[in-house]
């Protein structure tokens, strides 16, 4: 059994920054950050593929940075210049390797980011 645990959410003023972390119980093969705002559908924010290809949704490009540590079991989402439109629950979603097994589409529990003055 594998798991993902997010942390780093909270309340921040417009223009501020937050860094979200996603720690896996195995090695991260590929990682995705999603978010879901109240009353809206979940949307894909950023991705790092198994080959290291990084993509962002248009509204966060140049403000958010997705990365992962060298050990391979923690991913990050650095969020700068936050605005109220970024308010949402943020989820990490990953494909993991643990021992000889691969686990696909593993979800974390989510962490709430609120941007408000």
PDB file of N, CA and C in Angstrom:
ATOM      1  N   UNK A   1       0.841  -1.176   0.000  1.00  0.00           N
ATOM      2  CA  UNK A   1       0.000   0.000   0.000  1.00  0.00           C
ATOM      3  C   UNK A   1       0.888   1.241   0.000  1.00  0.00           C
ATOM      4  N   UNK A   2       0.546   2.239  -0.820  1.00  0.00           N
ATOM      5  CA  UNK A   2       1.313   3.465  -0.895  1.00  0.00           C
ATOM      6  C   UNK A   2       0.399   4.639  -0.564  1.00  0.00           C
ATOM      7  N   UNK A   3       1.003   5.772  -0.274  1.00  0.00           N
ATOM      8  CA  UNK A   3       0.209   6.937   0.077  1.00  0.00           C
ATOM      9  C   UNK A   3       0.933   8.209  -0.337  1.00  0.00           C
ATOM     10  N   UNK A   4       0.164   9.283  -0.437  1.00  0.00           N
ATOM     11  CA  UNK A   4       0.667  10.631  -0.682  1.00  0.00           C
ATOM     12  C   UNK A   4       0.117  11.532   0.403  1.00  0.00           C
ATOM     13  N   UNK A   5       0.969  12.383   0.945  1.00  0.00           N
ATOM     14  CA  UNK A   5       0.530  13.309   1.977  1.00  0.00           C
ATOM     15  C   UNK A   5       0.956  14.710   1.574  1.00  0.00           C
ATOM     16  N   UNK A   6      -0.041  15.604   1.417  1.00  0.00           N
ATOM     17  CA  UNK A   6       0.255  16.995   1.081  1.00  0.00           C
ATOM     18  C   UNK A   6       0.368  17.828   2.347  1.00  0.00           C
ATOM     19  N   UNK A   7       1.123  18.905   2.244  1.00  0.00           N
ATOM     20  CA  UNK A   7       1.214  19.879   3.325  1.00  0.00           C
ATOM     21  C   UNK A   7       1.585  21.228   2.721  1.00  0.00           C
ATOM     22  N   UNK A   8       1.452  22.266   3.534  1.00  0.00           N
ATOM     23  CA  UNK A   8       1.896  23.586   3.110  1.00  0.00           C
ATOM     24  C   UNK A   8       0.801  24.560   2.763  1.00  0.00           C
ATOM     25  N   UNK A   9      -0.442  24.102   2.771  1.00  0.00           N
ATOM     26  CA  UNK A   9      -1.536  25.016   2.483  1.00  0.00           C
ATOM     27  C   UNK A   9      -1.773  25.979   3.631  1.00  0.00           C
ATOM     28  N   UNK A  10      -2.655  26.943   3.393  1.00  0.00           N
ATOM     29  CA  UNK A  10      -2.972  27.909   4.433  1.00  0.00           C
ATOM     30  C   UNK A  10      -3.561  29.159   3.850  1.00  0.00           C
ATOM     31  N   UNK A  11      -3.624  30.183   4.685  1.00  0.00           N
ATOM     32  CA  UNK A  11      -4.169  31.481   4.297  1.00  0.00           C
ATOM     33  C   UNK A  11      -3.020  32.413   3.930  1.00  0.00           C
ATOM     34  N   UNK A  12      -3.131  33.062   2.795  1.00  0.00           N
ATOM     35  CA  UNK A  12      -2.098  33.984   2.343  1.00  0.00           C
ATOM     36  C   UNK A  12      -2.762  35.195   1.711  1.00  0.00           C
ATOM     37  N   UNK A  13      -2.115  36.335   1.824  1.00  0.00           N
ATOM     38  CA  UNK A  13      -2.661  37.556   1.217  1.00  0.00           C
ATOM     39  C   UNK A  13      -2.377  37.578  -0.280  1.00  0.00           C
ATOM     40  N   UNK A  14      -3.192  38.285  -1.038  1.00  0.00           N
ATOM     41  CA  UNK A  14      -2.907  38.425  -2.475  1.00  0.00           C
ATOM     42  C   UNK A  14      -1.494  38.954  -2.699  1.00  0.00           C
ATOM     43  N   UNK A  15      -0.812  38.341  -3.677  1.00  0.00           N
ATOM     44  CA  UNK A  15       0.565  38.686  -3.952  1.00  0.00           C
ATOM     45  C   UNK A  15       1.566  37.855  -3.190  1.00  0.00           C
ATOM     46  N   UNK A  16       1.100  37.083  -2.241  1.00  0.00           N
ATOM     47  CA  UNK A  16       1.988  36.271  -1.424  1.00  0.00           C
ATOM     48  C   UNK A  16       2.369  34.957  -2.084  1.00  0.00           C
ATOM     49  N   UNK A  17       3.110  34.145  -1.327  1.00  0.00           N
ATOM     50  CA  UNK A  17       3.618  32.876  -1.835  1.00  0.00           C
ATOM     51  C   UNK A  17       3.347  31.749  -0.846  1.00  0.00           C
ATOM     52  N   UNK A  18       3.230  30.572  -1.380  1.00  0.00           N
ATOM     53  CA  UNK A  18       3.149  29.354  -0.587  1.00  0.00           C
ATOM     54  C   UNK A  18       3.904  28.255  -1.319  1.00  0.00           C
ATOM     55  N   UNK A  19       4.409  27.307  -0.542  1.00  0.00           N
ATOM     56  CA  UNK A  19       5.057  26.143  -1.123  1.00  0.00           C
ATOM     57  C   UNK A  19       4.357  24.897  -0.612  1.00  0.00           C
ATOM     58  N   UNK A  20       3.748  24.172  -1.534  1.00  0.00           N
ATOM     59  CA  UNK A  20       3.087  22.918  -1.185  1.00  0.00           C
ATOM     60  C   UNK A  20       4.069  21.766  -1.341  1.00  0.00           C
ATOM     61  N   UNK A  21       3.947  20.800  -0.451  1.00  0.00           N
ATOM     62  CA  UNK A  21       4.758  19.595  -0.520  1.00  0.00           C
ATOM     63  C   UNK A  21       3.863  18.375  -0.652  1.00  0.00           C
ATOM     64  N   UNK A  22       4.378  17.375  -1.312  1.00  0.00           N
ATOM     65  CA  UNK A  22       3.656  16.103  -1.472  1.00  0.00           C
ATOM     66  C   UNK A  22       4.671  14.997  -1.242  1.00  0.00           C
ATOM     67  N   UNK A  23       4.516  14.292  -0.145  1.00  0.00           N
ATOM     68  CA  UNK A  23       5.464  13.255   0.223  1.00  0.00           C
ATOM     69  C   UNK A  23       4.855  11.885  -0.013  1.00  0.00           C
ATOM     70  N   UNK A  24       5.589  11.072  -0.755  1.00  0.00           N
ATOM     71  CA  UNK A  24       5.097   9.751  -1.126  1.00  0.00           C
ATOM     72  C   UNK A  24       5.758   8.667  -0.278  1.00  0.00           C
ATOM     73  N   UNK A  25       5.041   7.573  -0.104  1.00  0.00           N
ATOM     74  CA  UNK A  25       5.601   6.439   0.631  1.00  0.00           C
ATOM     75  C   UNK A  25       6.498   5.591  -0.255  1.00  0.00           C
ATOM     76  N   UNK A  26       6.468   5.882  -1.569  1.00  0.00           N
ATOM     77  CA  UNK A  26       7.371   5.212  -2.496  1.00  0.00           C
ATOM     78  C   UNK A  26       8.103   6.243  -3.337  1.00  0.00           C
ATOM     79  N   UNK A  27       8.716   5.811  -4.412  1.00  0.00           N
ATOM     80  CA  UNK A  27       9.384   6.732  -5.332  1.00  0.00           C
ATOM     81  C   UNK A  27       8.386   7.274  -6.348  1.00  0.00           C
ATOM     82  N   UNK A  28       8.472   8.573  -6.594  1.00  0.00           N
ATOM     83  CA  UNK A  28       7.554   9.200  -7.539  1.00  0.00           C
ATOM     84  C   UNK A  28       8.029   8.969  -8.965  1.00  0.00           C
ATOM     85  N   UNK A  29       7.150   8.384  -9.771  1.00  0.00           N
ATOM     86  CA  UNK A  29       7.452   8.136 -11.173  1.00  0.00           C
ATOM     87  C   UNK A  29       7.015   9.318 -12.026  1.00  0.00           C
ATOM     88  N   UNK A  30       5.825   9.807 -11.783  1.00  0.00           N
ATOM     89  CA  UNK A  30       5.325  11.021 -12.407  1.00  0.00           C
ATOM     90  C   UNK A  30       4.379  11.685 -11.416  1.00  0.00           C
ATOM     91  N   UNK A  31       4.284  13.005 -11.491  1.00  0.00           N
ATOM     92  CA  UNK A  31       3.530  13.746 -10.480  1.00  0.00           C
ATOM     93  C   UNK A  31       2.663  14.798 -11.139  1.00  0.00           C
ATOM     94  N   UNK A  32       1.501  15.004 -10.594  1.00  0.00           N
ATOM     95  CA  UNK A  32       0.563  16.021 -11.083  1.00  0.00           C
ATOM     96  C   UNK A  32      -0.030  16.742  -9.878  1.00  0.00           C
ATOM     97  N   UNK A  33      -0.194  18.023 -10.006  1.00  0.00           N
ATOM     98  CA  UNK A  33      -0.929  18.814  -9.023  1.00  0.00           C
ATOM     99  C   UNK A  33      -2.250  19.242  -9.656  1.00  0.00           C
ATOM    100  N   UNK A  34      -3.336  19.007  -8.932  1.00  0.00           N
ATOM    101  CA  UNK A  34      -4.663  19.449  -9.315  1.00  0.00           C
ATOM    102  C   UNK A  34      -5.161  20.436  -8.263  1.00  0.00           C
ATOM    103  N   UNK A  35      -6.199  21.154  -8.629  1.00  0.00           N
ATOM    104  CA  UNK A  35      -6.894  21.978  -7.646  1.00  0.00           C
ATOM    105  C   UNK A  35      -8.389  21.974  -7.946  1.00  0.00           C
ATOM    106  N   UNK A  36      -9.159  22.199  -6.893  1.00  0.00           N
ATOM    107  CA  UNK A  36     -10.604  22.283  -7.041  1.00  0.00           C
ATOM    108  C   UNK A  36     -11.113  23.412  -6.174  1.00  0.00           C
ATOM    109  N   UNK A  37     -11.653  24.413  -6.830  1.00  0.00           N
ATOM    110  CA  UNK A  37     -12.241  25.549  -6.129  1.00  0.00           C
ATOM    111  C   UNK A  37     -13.692  25.234  -5.793  1.00  0.00           C
ATOM    112  N   UNK A  38     -14.259  25.899  -4.784  1.00  0.00           N
ATOM    113  CA  UNK A  38     -15.661  25.638  -4.417  1.00  0.00           C
ATOM    114  C   UNK A  38     -16.590  25.813  -5.597  1.00  0.00           C
ATOM    115  N   UNK A  39     -17.413  24.806  -5.843  1.00  0.00           N
ATOM    116  CA  UNK A  39     -18.398  24.882  -6.906  1.00  0.00           C
ATOM    117  C   UNK A  39     -17.848  24.697  -8.307  1.00  0.00           C
ATOM    118  N   UNK A  40     -16.569  24.381  -8.401  1.00  0.00           N
ATOM    119  CA  UNK A  40     -15.957  24.211  -9.715  1.00  0.00           C
ATOM    120  C   UNK A  40     -15.392  22.805  -9.870  1.00  0.00           C
ATOM    121  N   UNK A  41     -15.106  22.450 -11.113  1.00  0.00           N
ATOM    122  CA  UNK A  41     -14.522  21.141 -11.388  1.00  0.00           C
ATOM    123  C   UNK A  41     -13.028  21.150 -11.064  1.00  0.00           C
ATOM    124  N   UNK A  42     -12.532  19.972 -10.793  1.00  0.00           N
ATOM    125  CA  UNK A  42     -11.100  19.826 -10.543  1.00  0.00           C
ATOM    126  C   UNK A  42     -10.337  20.121 -11.833  1.00  0.00           C
ATOM    127  N   UNK A  43      -9.218  20.852 -11.708  1.00  0.00           N
ATOM    128  CA  UNK A  43      -8.431  21.191 -12.884  1.00  0.00           C
ATOM    129  C   UNK A  43      -6.969  20.850 -12.662  1.00  0.00           C
ATOM    130  N   UNK A  44      -6.316  20.500 -13.744  1.00  0.00           N
ATOM    131  CA  UNK A  44      -4.913  20.121 -13.698  1.00  0.00           C
ATOM    132  C   UNK A  44      -4.053  21.374 -13.707  1.00  0.00           C
ATOM    133  N   UNK A  45      -3.224  21.530 -12.702  1.00  0.00           N
ATOM    134  CA  UNK A  45      -2.421  22.731 -12.544  1.00  0.00           C
ATOM    135  C   UNK A  45      -1.029  22.559 -13.151  1.00  0.00           C
ATOM    136  N   UNK A  46      -0.372  21.463 -12.833  1.00  0.00           N
ATOM    137  CA  UNK A  46       1.007  21.266 -13.288  1.00  0.00           C
ATOM    138  C   UNK A  46       1.339  19.787 -13.297  1.00  0.00           C
ATOM    139  N   UNK A  47       2.276  19.437 -14.172  1.00  0.00           N
ATOM    140  CA  UNK A  47       2.658  18.033 -14.350  1.00  0.00           C
ATOM    141  C   UNK A  47       4.157  17.906 -14.552  1.00  0.00           C
ATOM    142  N   UNK A  48       4.730  16.876 -13.967  1.00  0.00           N
ATOM    143  CA  UNK A  48       6.069  16.414 -14.353  1.00  0.00           C
ATOM    144  C   UNK A  48       5.927  14.961 -14.768  1.00  0.00           C
ATOM    145  N   UNK A  49       6.247  14.672 -16.009  1.00  0.00           N
ATOM    146  CA  UNK A  49       6.127  13.304 -16.484  1.00  0.00           C
ATOM    147  C   UNK A  49       7.335  12.473 -16.040  1.00  0.00           C
ATOM    148  N   UNK A  50       7.271  11.189 -16.302  1.00  0.00           N
ATOM    149  CA  UNK A  50       8.374  10.294 -15.957  1.00  0.00           C
ATOM    150  C   UNK A  50       9.651  10.668 -16.694  1.00  0.00           C
ATOM    151  N   UNK A  51       9.518  11.362 -17.808  1.00  0.00           N
ATOM    152  CA  UNK A  51      10.691  11.795 -18.572  1.00  0.00           C
ATOM    153  C   UNK A  51      11.131  13.197 -18.215  1.00  0.00           C
ATOM    154  N   UNK A  52      10.466  13.790 -17.205  1.00  0.00           N
ATOM    155  CA  UNK A  52      10.874  15.115 -16.753  1.00  0.00           C
ATOM    156  C   UNK A  52      10.265  16.258 -17.535  1.00  0.00           C
ATOM    157  N   UNK A  53       9.266  15.973 -18.362  1.00  0.00           N
ATOM    158  CA  UNK A  53       8.596  17.030 -19.113  1.00  0.00           C
ATOM    159  C   UNK A  53       7.618  17.740 -18.193  1.00  0.00           C
ATOM    160  N   UNK A  54       7.716  19.060 -18.151  1.00  0.00           N
ATOM    161  CA  UNK A  54       6.904  19.864 -17.241  1.00  0.00           C
ATOM    162  C   UNK A  54       5.898  20.683 -18.044  1.00  0.00           C
ATOM    163  N   UNK A  55       4.666  20.681 -17.586  1.00  0.00           N
ATOM    164  CA  UNK A  55       3.628  21.503 -18.198  1.00  0.00           C
ATOM    165  C   UNK A  55       2.824  22.200 -17.113  1.00  0.00           C
ATOM    166  N   UNK A  56       2.257  23.347 -17.464  1.00  0.00           N
ATOM    167  CA  UNK A  56       1.430  24.140 -16.550  1.00  0.00           C
ATOM    168  C   UNK A  56       0.156  24.570 -17.255  1.00  0.00           C
ATOM    169  N   UNK A  57      -0.896  24.779 -16.446  1.00  0.00           N
ATOM    170  CA  UNK A  57      -2.082  25.412 -17.011  1.00  0.00           C
ATOM    171  C   UNK A  57      -1.749  26.881 -17.246  1.00  0.00           C
ATOM    172  N   UNK A  58      -2.428  27.475 -18.203  1.00  0.00           N
ATOM    173  CA  UNK A  58      -2.066  28.819 -18.650  1.00  0.00           C
ATOM    174  C   UNK A  58      -2.099  29.849 -17.523  1.00  0.00           C
ATOM    175  N   UNK A  59      -3.077  29.762 -16.649  1.00  0.00           N
ATOM    176  CA  UNK A  59      -3.260  30.818 -15.651  1.00  0.00           C
ATOM    177  C   UNK A  59      -2.203  30.807 -14.554  1.00  0.00           C
ATOM    178  N   UNK A  60      -1.410  29.746 -14.466  1.00  0.00           N
ATOM    179  CA  UNK A  60      -0.382  29.697 -13.417  1.00  0.00           C
ATOM    180  C   UNK A  60       1.034  29.709 -13.985  1.00  0.00           C
ATOM    181  N   UNK A  61       1.141  29.593 -15.297  1.00  0.00           N
ATOM    182  CA  UNK A  61       2.476  29.600 -15.902  1.00  0.00           C
ATOM    183  C   UNK A  61       3.174  30.903 -15.523  1.00  0.00           C
ATOM    184  N   UNK A  62       4.436  30.853 -15.224  1.00  0.00           N
ATOM    185  CA  UNK A  62       5.260  32.002 -14.803  1.00  0.00           C
ATOM    186  C   UNK A  62       5.029  32.404 -13.353  1.00  0.00           C
ATOM    187  N   UNK A  63       4.061  31.774 -12.674  1.00  0.00           N
ATOM    188  CA  UNK A  63       3.853  32.058 -11.248  1.00  0.00           C
ATOM    189  C   UNK A  63       4.123  30.832 -10.389  1.00  0.00           C
ATOM    190  N   UNK A  64       3.816  29.641 -10.909  1.00  0.00           N
ATOM    191  CA  UNK A  64       3.966  28.404 -10.158  1.00  0.00           C
ATOM    192  C   UNK A  64       5.144  27.610 -10.722  1.00  0.00           C
ATOM    193  N   UNK A  65       5.796  26.866  -9.842  1.00  0.00           N
ATOM    194  CA  UNK A  65       6.895  25.994 -10.255  1.00  0.00           C
ATOM    195  C   UNK A  65       6.721  24.628  -9.602  1.00  0.00           C
ATOM    196  N   UNK A  66       6.683  23.593 -10.428  1.00  0.00           N
ATOM    197  CA  UNK A  66       6.595  22.226  -9.926  1.00  0.00           C
ATOM    198  C   UNK A  66       7.999  21.626  -9.924  1.00  0.00           C
ATOM    199  N   UNK A  67       8.306  20.870  -8.897  1.00  0.00           N
ATOM    200  CA  UNK A  67       9.632  20.251  -8.804  1.00  0.00           C
ATOM    201  C   UNK A  67       9.552  19.032  -7.897  1.00  0.00           C
ATOM    202  N   UNK A  68      10.653  18.322  -7.798  1.00  0.00           N
ATOM    203  CA  UNK A  68      10.721  17.226  -6.842  1.00  0.00           C
ATOM    204  C   UNK A  68      12.159  17.099  -6.348  1.00  0.00           C
ATOM    205  N   UNK A  69      12.317  16.477  -5.184  1.00  0.00           N
ATOM    206  CA  UNK A  69      13.642  16.402  -4.596  1.00  0.00           C
ATOM    207  C   UNK A  69      14.452  15.279  -5.229  1.00  0.00           C
ATOM    208  N   UNK A  70      15.754  15.296  -4.944  1.00  0.00           N
ATOM    209  CA  UNK A  70      16.649  14.311  -5.558  1.00  0.00           C
ATOM    210  C   UNK A  70      16.377  12.895  -5.069  1.00  0.00           C
ATOM    211  N   UNK A  71      15.843  12.788  -3.859  1.00  0.00           N
ATOM    212  CA  UNK A  71      15.545  11.456  -3.333  1.00  0.00           C
ATOM    213  C   UNK A  71      14.385  10.813  -4.070  1.00  0.00           C
ATOM    214  N   UNK A  72      13.556  11.642  -4.716  1.00  0.00           N
ATOM    215  CA  UNK A  72      12.498  11.115  -5.556  1.00  0.00           C
ATOM    216  C   UNK A  72      11.201  10.785  -4.863  1.00  0.00           C
ATOM    217  N   UNK A  73      11.066  11.143  -3.581  1.00  0.00           N
ATOM    218  CA  UNK A  73       9.803  10.808  -2.935  1.00  0.00           C
ATOM    219  C   UNK A  73       9.029  12.019  -2.443  1.00  0.00           C
ATOM    220  N   UNK A  74       9.484  13.218  -2.765  1.00  0.00           N
ATOM    221  CA  UNK A  74       8.757  14.424  -2.394  1.00  0.00           C
ATOM    222  C   UNK A  74       8.684  15.355  -3.595  1.00  0.00           C
ATOM    223  N   UNK A  75       7.504  15.874  -3.845  1.00  0.00           N
ATOM    224  CA  UNK A  75       7.289  16.856  -4.905  1.00  0.00           C
ATOM    225  C   UNK A  75       6.817  18.156  -4.283  1.00  0.00           C
ATOM    226  N   UNK A  76       7.037  19.234  -5.010  1.00  0.00           N
ATOM    227  CA  UNK A  76       6.706  20.557  -4.505  1.00  0.00           C
ATOM    228  C   UNK A  76       5.932  21.342  -5.559  1.00  0.00           C
ATOM    229  N   UNK A  77       5.162  22.286  -5.081  1.00  0.00           N
ATOM    230  CA  UNK A  77       4.534  23.267  -5.949  1.00  0.00           C
ATOM    231  C   UNK A  77       4.766  24.628  -5.301  1.00  0.00           C
ATOM    232  N   UNK A  78       5.711  25.374  -5.859  1.00  0.00           N
ATOM    233  CA  UNK A  78       5.983  26.725  -5.393  1.00  0.00           C
ATOM    234  C   UNK A  78       5.016  27.663  -6.084  1.00  0.00           C
ATOM    235  N   UNK A  79       4.246  28.402  -5.296  1.00  0.00           N
ATOM    236  CA  UNK A  79       3.222  29.275  -5.845  1.00  0.00           C
ATOM    237  C   UNK A  79       3.532  30.713  -5.448  1.00  0.00           C
ATOM    238  N   UNK A  80       3.763  31.555  -6.420  1.00  0.00           N
ATOM    239  CA  UNK A  80       4.074  32.960  -6.195  1.00  0.00           C
ATOM    240  C   UNK A  80       2.982  33.851  -6.797  1.00  0.00           C
ATOM    241  N   UNK A  81       2.976  35.085  -6.385  1.00  0.00           N
ATOM    242  CA  UNK A  81       2.008  36.067  -6.897  1.00  0.00           C
ATOM    243  C   UNK A  81       0.585  35.520  -6.846  1.00  0.00           C
ATOM    244  N   UNK A  82       0.226  34.962  -5.720  1.00  0.00           N
ATOM    245  CA  UNK A  82      -1.091  34.346  -5.579  1.00  0.00           C
ATOM    246  C   UNK A  82      -2.192  35.392  -5.628  1.00  0.00           C
ATOM    247  N   UNK A  83      -3.308  34.994  -6.187  1.00  0.00           N
ATOM    248  CA  UNK A  83      -4.478  35.867  -6.233  1.00  0.00           C
ATOM    249  C   UNK A  83      -5.703  35.085  -5.784  1.00  0.00           C
ATOM    250  N   UNK A  84      -6.799  35.772  -5.485  1.00  0.00           N
ATOM    251  CA  UNK A  84      -7.988  35.062  -4.966  1.00  0.00           C
ATOM    252  C   UNK A  84      -8.469  33.944  -5.883  1.00  0.00           C
ATOM    253  N   UNK A  85      -8.207  34.047  -7.167  1.00  0.00           N
ATOM    254  CA  UNK A  85      -8.600  33.000  -8.096  1.00  0.00           C
ATOM    255  C   UNK A  85      -7.842  31.693  -7.905  1.00  0.00           C
ATOM    256  N   UNK A  86      -6.768  31.734  -7.126  1.00  0.00           N
ATOM    257  CA  UNK A  86      -6.008  30.519  -6.841  1.00  0.00           C
ATOM    258  C   UNK A  86      -6.548  29.762  -5.629  1.00  0.00           C
ATOM    259  N   UNK A  87      -7.543  30.335  -4.962  1.00  0.00           N
ATOM    260  CA  UNK A  87      -8.128  29.682  -3.805  1.00  0.00           C
ATOM    261  C   UNK A  87      -8.769  28.357  -4.201  1.00  0.00           C
ATOM    262  N   UNK A  88      -8.345  27.290  -3.562  1.00  0.00           N
ATOM    263  CA  UNK A  88      -8.835  25.958  -3.907  1.00  0.00           C
ATOM    264  C   UNK A  88      -8.217  24.936  -2.951  1.00  0.00           C
ATOM    265  N   UNK A  89      -8.745  23.733  -3.009  1.00  0.00           N
ATOM    266  CA  UNK A  89      -8.069  22.596  -2.400  1.00  0.00           C
ATOM    267  C   UNK A  89      -7.110  22.035  -3.455  1.00  0.00           C
ATOM    268  N   UNK A  90      -5.862  21.900  -3.078  1.00  0.00           N
ATOM    269  CA  UNK A  90      -4.840  21.402  -3.990  1.00  0.00           C
ATOM    270  C   UNK A  90      -4.529  19.944  -3.663  1.00  0.00           C
ATOM    271  N   UNK A  91      -4.496  19.142  -4.707  1.00  0.00           N
ATOM    272  CA  UNK A  91      -4.247  17.706  -4.567  1.00  0.00           C
ATOM    273  C   UNK A  91      -3.023  17.314  -5.383  1.00  0.00           C
ATOM    274  N   UNK A  92      -2.215  16.437  -4.817  1.00  0.00           N
ATOM    275  CA  UNK A  92      -1.198  15.810  -5.655  1.00  0.00           C
ATOM    276  C   UNK A  92      -1.693  14.431  -6.075  1.00  0.00           C
ATOM    277  N   UNK A  93      -1.277  14.057  -7.242  1.00  0.00           N
ATOM    278  CA  UNK A  93      -1.669  12.798  -7.852  1.00  0.00           C
ATOM    279  C   UNK A  93      -0.426  12.241  -8.525  1.00  0.00           C
ATOM    280  N   UNK A  94      -0.098  10.997  -8.249  1.00  0.00           N
ATOM    281  CA  UNK A  94       1.181  10.491  -8.734  1.00  0.00           C
ATOM    282  C   UNK A  94       1.111   9.025  -9.106  1.00  0.00           C
ATOM    283  N   UNK A  95       2.060   8.639  -9.936  1.00  0.00           N
ATOM    284  CA  UNK A  95       2.349   7.237 -10.197  1.00  0.00           C
ATOM    285  C   UNK A  95       3.618   6.923  -9.401  1.00  0.00           C
ATOM    286  N   UNK A  96       3.565   5.844  -8.642  1.00  0.00           N
ATOM    287  CA  UNK A  96       4.630   5.552  -7.693  1.00  0.00           C
ATOM    288  C   UNK A  96       5.257   4.191  -7.956  1.00  0.00           C
ATOM    289  N   UNK A  97       6.484   4.064  -7.504  1.00  0.00           N
ATOM    290  CA  UNK A  97       7.181   2.785  -7.516  1.00  0.00           C
ATOM    291  C   UNK A  97       7.549   2.461  -6.078  1.00  0.00           C
ATOM    292  N   UNK A  98       7.172   1.251  -5.666  1.00  0.00           N
ATOM    293  CA  UNK A  98       7.526   0.788  -4.319  1.00  0.00           C
ATOM    294  C   UNK A  98       7.990  -0.647  -4.437  1.00  0.00           C
ATOM    295  N   UNK A  99       9.268  -0.850  -4.192  1.00  0.00           N
ATOM    296  CA  UNK A  99       9.814  -2.175  -4.412  1.00  0.00           C
ATOM    297  C   UNK A  99       9.739  -2.533  -5.885  1.00  0.00           C
ATOM    298  N   UNK A 100       9.114  -3.662  -6.191  1.00  0.00           N
ATOM    299  CA  UNK A 100       8.969  -4.077  -7.578  1.00  0.00           C
ATOM    300  C   UNK A 100       7.601  -3.711  -8.153  1.00  0.00           C
ATOM    301  N   UNK A 101       6.785  -3.076  -7.354  1.00  0.00           N
ATOM    302  CA  UNK A 101       5.424  -2.761  -7.791  1.00  0.00           C
ATOM    303  C   UNK A 101       5.312  -1.307  -8.235  1.00  0.00           C
ATOM    304  N   UNK A 102       4.419  -1.085  -9.197  1.00  0.00           N
ATOM    305  CA  UNK A 102       4.064   0.266  -9.615  1.00  0.00           C
ATOM    306  C   UNK A 102       2.613   0.506  -9.257  1.00  0.00           C
ATOM    307  N   UNK A 103       2.353   1.718  -8.816  1.00  0.00           N
ATOM    308  CA  UNK A 103       1.013   2.126  -8.423  1.00  0.00           C
ATOM    309  C   UNK A 103       0.650   3.369  -9.233  1.00  0.00           C
ATOM    310  N   UNK A 104      -0.492   3.330  -9.880  1.00  0.00           N
ATOM    311  CA  UNK A 104      -0.908   4.418 -10.758  1.00  0.00           C
ATOM    312  C   UNK A 104      -2.060   5.192 -10.147  1.00  0.00           C
ATOM    313  N   UNK A 105      -2.060   6.496 -10.411  1.00  0.00           N
ATOM    314  CA  UNK A 105      -3.198   7.348 -10.066  1.00  0.00           C
ATOM    315  C   UNK A 105      -3.461   7.358  -8.562  1.00  0.00           C
ATOM    316  N   UNK A 106      -2.409   7.561  -7.793  1.00  0.00           N
ATOM    317  CA  UNK A 106      -2.543   7.652  -6.336  1.00  0.00           C
ATOM    318  C   UNK A 106      -2.822   9.110  -5.963  1.00  0.00           C
ATOM    319  N   UNK A 107      -3.793   9.319  -5.075  1.00  0.00           N
ATOM    320  CA  UNK A 107      -4.207  10.675  -4.690  1.00  0.00           C
ATOM    321  C   UNK A 107      -3.850  10.966  -3.237  1.00  0.00           C
ATOM    322  N   UNK A 108      -3.472  12.204  -3.012  1.00  0.00           N
ATOM    323  CA  UNK A 108      -3.341  12.682  -1.652  1.00  0.00           C
ATOM    324  C   UNK A 108      -4.685  13.163  -1.136  1.00  0.00           C
ATOM    325  N   UNK A 109      -4.689  13.610   0.122  1.00  0.00           N
ATOM    326  CA  UNK A 109      -5.941  14.014   0.770  1.00  0.00           C
ATOM    327  C   UNK A 109      -6.323  15.452   0.461  1.00  0.00           C
ATOM    328  N   UNK A 110      -5.398  16.217  -0.076  1.00  0.00           N
ATOM    329  CA  UNK A 110      -5.670  17.609  -0.409  1.00  0.00           C
ATOM    330  C   UNK A 110      -5.234  18.564   0.689  1.00  0.00           C
ATOM    331  N   UNK A 111      -4.870  19.768   0.281  1.00  0.00           N
ATOM    332  CA  UNK A 111      -4.529  20.824   1.232  1.00  0.00           C
ATOM    333  C   UNK A 111      -5.161  22.125   0.748  1.00  0.00           C
ATOM    334  N   UNK A 112      -5.777  22.843   1.669  1.00  0.00           N
ATOM    335  CA  UNK A 112      -6.541  24.031   1.311  1.00  0.00           C
ATOM    336  C   UNK A 112      -5.630  25.249   1.220  1.00  0.00           C
ATOM    337  N   UNK A 113      -5.747  25.955   0.114  1.00  0.00           N
ATOM    338  CA  UNK A 113      -5.060  27.236  -0.078  1.00  0.00           C
ATOM    339  C   UNK A 113      -6.120  28.323  -0.198  1.00  0.00           C
ATOM    340  N   UNK A 114      -6.037  29.306   0.669  1.00  0.00           N
ATOM    341  CA  UNK A 114      -6.972  30.421   0.650  1.00  0.00           C
ATOM    342  C   UNK A 114      -6.189  31.706   0.455  1.00  0.00           C
ATOM    343  N   UNK A 115      -6.536  32.435  -0.601  1.00  0.00           N
ATOM    344  CA  UNK A 115      -5.878  33.712  -0.892  1.00  0.00           C
ATOM    345  C   UNK A 115      -6.889  34.823  -0.640  1.00  0.00           C
ATOM    346  N   UNK A 116      -6.636  35.580   0.392  1.00  0.00           N
ATOM    347  CA  UNK A 116      -7.596  36.606   0.803  1.00  0.00           C
ATOM    348  C   UNK A 116      -6.903  37.657   1.648  1.00  0.00           C
ATOM    349  N   UNK A 117      -7.397  38.883   1.546  1.00  0.00           N
ATOM    350  CA  UNK A 117      -6.880  39.953   2.388  1.00  0.00           C
ATOM    351  C   UNK A 117      -7.727  40.116   3.647  1.00  0.00           C
TER     352      UNK A 117
END
